[in-house]
Amino acid sequence: MTDTLPLSGKLALVTGASRGIGAATAKALAAAGAHVVLTARTTGGLEEVEDAIHKAGGHATIAPLDLIDGESIGRLAQAIAGRWDALDILVLNAATLGSLAAVPAIDAKEFARLLTLNIAAPQALIAAFDRMLRASKDARVVALTSSVATPRAYWGAYGASKAALETLVGAYGEEMKNISAIRTHIVDPAATRTAMRARAFPGEDPATVKGPEVAADAIVDLVVADTPTGHRVRIER
């Protein structure tokens, strides 16, 4: 890789990077020159993504962890801070779908786990990496959302977590915009060919929806451009 790449010298952290949009985004960021830290629970999947990045001439480091374990986020931040001075790009992609159910039928234990991964973990990541994000000359926090953040029947649990994520990340952007170089962005990938999509729509032909690389390319375009904080994009095609 050469210094002419737009993200050369930048450090990126992508959650849920072992497959789907997370994996595609990690590869795209690395192709643009960033050193990418890949996190997910599945070590094998992370190793496959890391290997693909290295074979393409990019740079990546894997960090297997379960984001539901709050202490693991602190350990990750400590390890990264021991090697790098600043974090330039944080992509909050990891999420769980949970079961689609009417609001009165939502399982309490499953709902608690969903909220922990989909909203509490992103807040913990922002808190843990706040100092490193502030140390960047152009930091970006990108949160992946969904159209079901606007109420839709039977999507109450997952949709509520995404609505909360949008508000949380947007608030952080407002807090930071006058005191740092941190900018926050919300990305709705819309219908995308992922394992989560297949679970939610089991009868759908995967060939009828776009691949995750389309969303990944849009995310890279977003962080490379001089995009204002609070900007939201929906990726149709």
Protein backbone atom coordinates (compact mmCIF):
# COMPACT_ATOMS: atom_id res chain seq x y z
CA MET A 1 0.00 0.00 0.00
CA THR A 2 1.14 3.54 -0.68
CA ASP A 3 0.81 6.82 1.13
CA THR A 4 -1.53 8.04 -1.62
CA LEU A 5 -4.41 5.99 -0.26
CA PRO A 6 -7.04 8.22 1.40
CA LEU A 7 -6.93 6.49 4.80
CA SER A 8 -3.20 5.83 4.94
CA GLY A 9 -1.94 6.21 8.50
CA LYS A 10 -5.46 5.97 9.98
CA LEU A 11 -6.55 3.46 12.60
CA ALA A 12 -10.04 1.95 12.37
CA LEU A 13 -11.96 -0.36 14.71
CA VAL A 14 -14.86 -2.38 13.29
CA THR A 15 -17.19 -4.43 15.48
CA GLY A 16 -18.95 -7.51 14.15
CA ALA A 17 -16.15 -7.83 11.59
CA SER A 18 -16.19 -11.59 11.08
CA ARG A 19 -18.91 -11.59 8.40
CA GLY A 20 -21.48 -9.54 6.51
CA ILE A 21 -21.31 -5.76 6.47
CA GLY A 22 -18.66 -5.68 9.21
CA ALA A 23 -16.28 -7.93 7.28
CA ALA A 24 -16.87 -6.05 4.03
CA THR A 25 -16.34 -2.70 5.76
CA ALA A 26 -13.10 -3.87 7.35
CA LYS A 27 -11.79 -4.99 3.95
CA ALA A 28 -12.85 -1.72 2.30
CA LEU A 29 -11.24 0.42 5.01
CA ALA A 30 -8.02 -1.58 4.72
CA ALA A 31 -8.07 -1.23 0.94
CA ALA A 32 -8.29 2.54 1.46
CA GLY A 33 -5.13 2.42 3.58
CA ALA A 34 -6.34 2.14 7.18
CA HIS A 35 -4.96 -0.31 9.71
CA VAL A 36 -8.11 -2.10 10.84
CA VAL A 37 -8.71 -3.74 14.22
CA LEU A 38 -11.30 -6.48 13.73
CA THR A 39 -13.55 -7.53 16.60
CA ALA A 40 -16.17 -10.29 16.84
CA ARG A 41 -16.82 -13.42 18.87
CA THR A 42 -15.85 -15.81 16.06
CA THR A 43 -12.08 -16.18 15.88
CA GLY A 44 -12.18 -18.28 12.71
CA GLY A 45 -14.22 -15.69 10.85
CA LEU A 46 -11.92 -12.89 11.99
CA GLU A 47 -8.87 -14.83 10.84
CA GLU A 48 -10.42 -15.30 7.39
CA VAL A 49 -11.08 -11.56 7.06
CA GLU A 50 -7.61 -10.71 8.34
CA ASP A 51 -6.04 -13.13 5.86
CA ALA A 52 -8.01 -11.60 2.98
CA ILE A 53 -6.87 -8.10 4.00
CA HIS A 54 -3.23 -9.18 4.23
CA LYS A 55 -3.37 -10.97 0.86
CA ALA A 56 -4.71 -7.74 -0.67
CA GLY A 57 -1.75 -5.82 0.76
CA GLY A 58 -3.59 -4.27 3.70
CA HIS A 59 -3.01 -4.19 7.44
CA ALA A 60 -5.26 -5.65 10.13
CA THR A 61 -5.21 -6.95 13.69
CA ILE A 62 -7.81 -9.29 15.12
CA ALA A 63 -9.24 -8.95 18.63
CA PRO A 64 -11.74 -11.74 19.38
CA LEU A 65 -14.11 -10.72 22.16
CA ASP A 66 -17.72 -10.85 23.30
CA LEU A 67 -19.08 -7.31 23.49
CA ILE A 68 -21.67 -8.43 26.03
CA ASP A 69 -18.76 -8.80 28.46
CA GLY A 70 -18.26 -5.16 29.44
CA GLU A 71 -14.85 -5.79 30.95
CA SER A 72 -13.54 -7.10 27.62
CA ILE A 73 -14.17 -3.67 26.05
CA GLY A 74 -11.98 -2.00 28.66
CA ARG A 75 -9.21 -4.54 28.07
CA LEU A 76 -9.44 -3.97 24.32
CA ALA A 77 -9.18 -0.20 24.74
CA GLN A 78 -6.17 -0.59 27.01
CA ALA A 79 -4.42 -2.87 24.53
CA ILE A 80 -5.05 -0.56 21.57
CA ALA A 81 -4.01 2.54 23.53
CA GLY A 82 -0.76 0.79 24.35
CA ARG A 83 0.07 0.51 20.66
CA TRP A 84 -1.53 3.55 19.02
CA ASP A 85 -2.05 7.17 20.10
CA ALA A 86 -5.37 7.84 18.37
CA LEU A 87 -8.41 6.07 16.95
CA ASP A 88 -9.62 7.66 13.72
CA ILE A 89 -12.61 5.51 12.75
CA LEU A 90 -15.01 3.55 14.98
CA VAL A 91 -17.64 1.49 13.13
CA LEU A 92 -20.42 0.30 15.45
CA ASN A 93 -21.76 -2.59 13.42
CA ALA A 94 -22.17 -5.56 15.79
CA ALA A 95 -25.79 -6.31 16.65
CA THR A 96 -28.19 -9.16 17.29
CA LEU A 97 -31.65 -9.47 15.75
CA GLY A 98 -33.44 -11.32 18.52
CA SER A 99 -36.84 -12.87 17.88
CA LEU A 100 -39.48 -11.01 15.93
CA ALA A 101 -42.46 -10.77 18.24
CA ALA A 102 -45.35 -8.57 19.31
CA VAL A 103 -44.32 -6.23 22.12
CA PRO A 104 -46.27 -8.11 24.85
CA ALA A 105 -44.60 -11.35 23.75
CA ILE A 106 -40.98 -10.16 23.89
CA ASP A 107 -38.89 -12.52 26.00
CA ALA A 108 -37.37 -10.54 28.87
CA LYS A 109 -34.04 -12.38 28.99
CA GLU A 110 -33.54 -12.20 25.23
CA PHE A 111 -34.51 -8.52 25.24
CA ALA A 112 -31.96 -7.75 27.96
CA ARG A 113 -29.22 -9.47 25.95
CA LEU A 114 -30.26 -7.65 22.78
CA LEU A 115 -30.13 -4.27 24.50
CA THR A 116 -26.76 -5.09 26.02
CA LEU A 117 -25.18 -5.85 22.65
CA ASN A 118 -27.05 -3.35 20.49
CA ILE A 119 -26.97 -0.26 22.73
CA ALA A 120 -25.01 -0.77 25.98
CA ALA A 121 -21.93 -2.13 24.18
CA PRO A 122 -21.75 0.81 21.73
CA GLN A 123 -21.96 3.22 24.66
CA ALA A 124 -19.19 1.31 26.44
CA LEU A 125 -17.05 1.41 23.30
CA ILE A 126 -17.51 5.16 22.91
CA ALA A 127 -16.65 5.67 26.58
CA ALA A 128 -13.60 3.42 26.40
CA PHE A 129 -12.23 5.02 23.22
CA ASP A 130 -13.30 8.62 23.86
CA ARG A 131 -9.76 9.73 24.69
CA MET A 132 -8.29 8.09 21.58
CA LEU A 133 -11.05 9.52 19.38
CA ARG A 134 -10.39 13.01 20.76
CA ALA A 135 -6.69 12.54 19.99
CA SER A 136 -7.47 12.08 16.28
CA LYS A 137 -7.31 15.02 13.88
CA ASP A 138 -10.42 13.74 12.07
CA ALA A 139 -12.27 11.06 14.02
CA ARG A 140 -15.44 9.42 12.73
CA VAL A 141 -17.94 7.29 14.62
CA VAL A 142 -20.23 5.40 12.25
CA ALA A 143 -23.28 3.58 13.63
CA LEU A 144 -25.25 1.07 11.59
CA THR A 145 -29.00 1.44 11.96
CA SER A 146 -32.15 0.09 10.31
CA SER A 147 -35.40 1.38 8.84
CA VAL A 148 -37.21 -0.41 11.69
CA ALA A 149 -35.92 2.29 14.07
CA THR A 150 -39.21 3.83 12.91
CA PRO A 151 -41.95 1.67 14.51
CA ARG A 152 -42.95 -1.47 12.64
CA ALA A 153 -45.12 -4.30 13.91
CA TYR A 154 -43.22 -7.23 15.42
CA TRP A 155 -39.89 -5.42 15.19
CA GLY A 156 -40.26 -3.60 18.53
CA ALA A 157 -37.22 -5.08 20.28
CA TYR A 158 -34.66 -4.71 17.50
CA GLY A 159 -36.17 -1.43 16.30
CA ALA A 160 -36.07 0.08 19.79
CA SER A 161 -32.38 -0.76 20.09
CA LYS A 162 -31.60 0.92 16.78
CA ALA A 163 -33.64 4.02 17.63
CA ALA A 164 -31.72 4.22 20.91
CA LEU A 165 -28.40 3.79 19.09
CA GLU A 166 -29.20 6.64 16.72
CA THR A 167 -30.04 8.93 19.63
CA LEU A 168 -26.97 7.90 21.63
CA VAL A 169 -24.49 8.40 18.79
CA GLY A 170 -26.17 11.60 17.66
CA ALA A 171 -25.95 13.00 21.18
CA TYR A 172 -22.24 12.15 21.33
CA GLY A 173 -21.74 14.01 18.08
CA GLU A 174 -23.49 17.09 19.44
CA GLU A 175 -21.40 16.95 22.61
CA MET A 176 -18.15 16.70 20.67
CA LYS A 177 -18.67 19.02 17.71
CA ASN A 178 -17.42 22.21 19.38
CA ILE A 179 -14.63 20.69 21.46
CA SER A 180 -13.05 18.05 19.23
CA ALA A 181 -12.62 16.82 15.66
CA ILE A 182 -15.03 13.92 16.24
CA ARG A 183 -17.89 13.56 13.78
CA THR A 184 -20.70 11.01 14.03
CA HIS A 185 -22.64 9.45 11.19
CA ILE A 186 -25.65 7.13 10.95
CA VAL A 187 -25.77 4.58 8.14
CA ASP A 188 -28.88 2.61 7.19
CA PRO A 189 -27.66 -0.12 4.81
CA ALA A 190 -31.26 -0.99 3.83
CA ALA A 191 -31.84 -4.45 2.32
CA THR A 192 -28.46 -6.18 2.25
CA ARG A 193 -27.44 -9.80 1.75
CA THR A 194 -26.41 -10.84 5.28
CA ALA A 195 -27.05 -13.74 7.65
CA MET A 196 -29.25 -11.48 9.77
CA ARG A 197 -31.33 -10.55 6.73
CA ALA A 198 -31.73 -14.23 5.80
CA ARG A 199 -32.95 -15.00 9.32
CA ALA A 200 -35.48 -12.16 9.27
CA PHE A 201 -36.73 -12.93 5.74
CA PRO A 202 -36.23 -16.70 5.25
CA GLY A 203 -38.26 -16.87 2.04
CA GLU A 204 -36.36 -14.09 0.27
CA ASP A 205 -34.09 -14.84 -2.68
CA PRO A 206 -30.64 -13.53 -1.60
CA ALA A 207 -29.86 -12.64 -5.20
CA THR A 208 -32.56 -9.95 -5.10
CA VAL A 209 -30.73 -7.80 -2.52
CA LYS A 210 -27.38 -6.05 -2.73
CA GLY A 211 -24.18 -7.48 -1.32
CA PRO A 212 -22.54 -6.12 1.85
CA GLU A 213 -19.69 -4.62 -0.17
CA VAL A 214 -22.09 -1.93 -1.41
CA ALA A 215 -22.68 -0.74 2.14
CA ALA A 216 -18.97 -1.03 2.90
CA ASP A 217 -18.00 1.18 -0.02
CA ALA A 218 -20.56 3.78 1.04
CA ILE A 219 -19.14 3.81 4.57
CA VAL A 220 -15.62 4.39 3.23
CA ASP A 221 -16.89 7.19 1.00
CA LEU A 222 -18.55 8.74 4.06
CA VAL A 223 -15.42 8.79 6.21
CA VAL A 224 -13.11 9.89 3.40
CA ALA A 225 -15.31 12.85 2.45
CA ASP A 226 -15.65 16.06 4.45
CA THR A 227 -19.00 14.87 5.78
CA PRO A 228 -20.56 17.00 8.54
CA THR A 229 -21.31 15.50 11.91
CA GLY A 230 -24.81 14.13 12.28
CA HIS A 231 -25.03 13.19 8.62
CA ARG A 232 -27.29 10.23 7.91
CA VAL A 233 -27.27 8.10 4.77
CA ARG A 234 -29.52 5.30 3.54
CA ILE A 235 -27.90 2.97 1.03
CA GLU A 236 -30.40 1.80 -1.55
CA ARG A 237 -28.04 0.42 -4.19
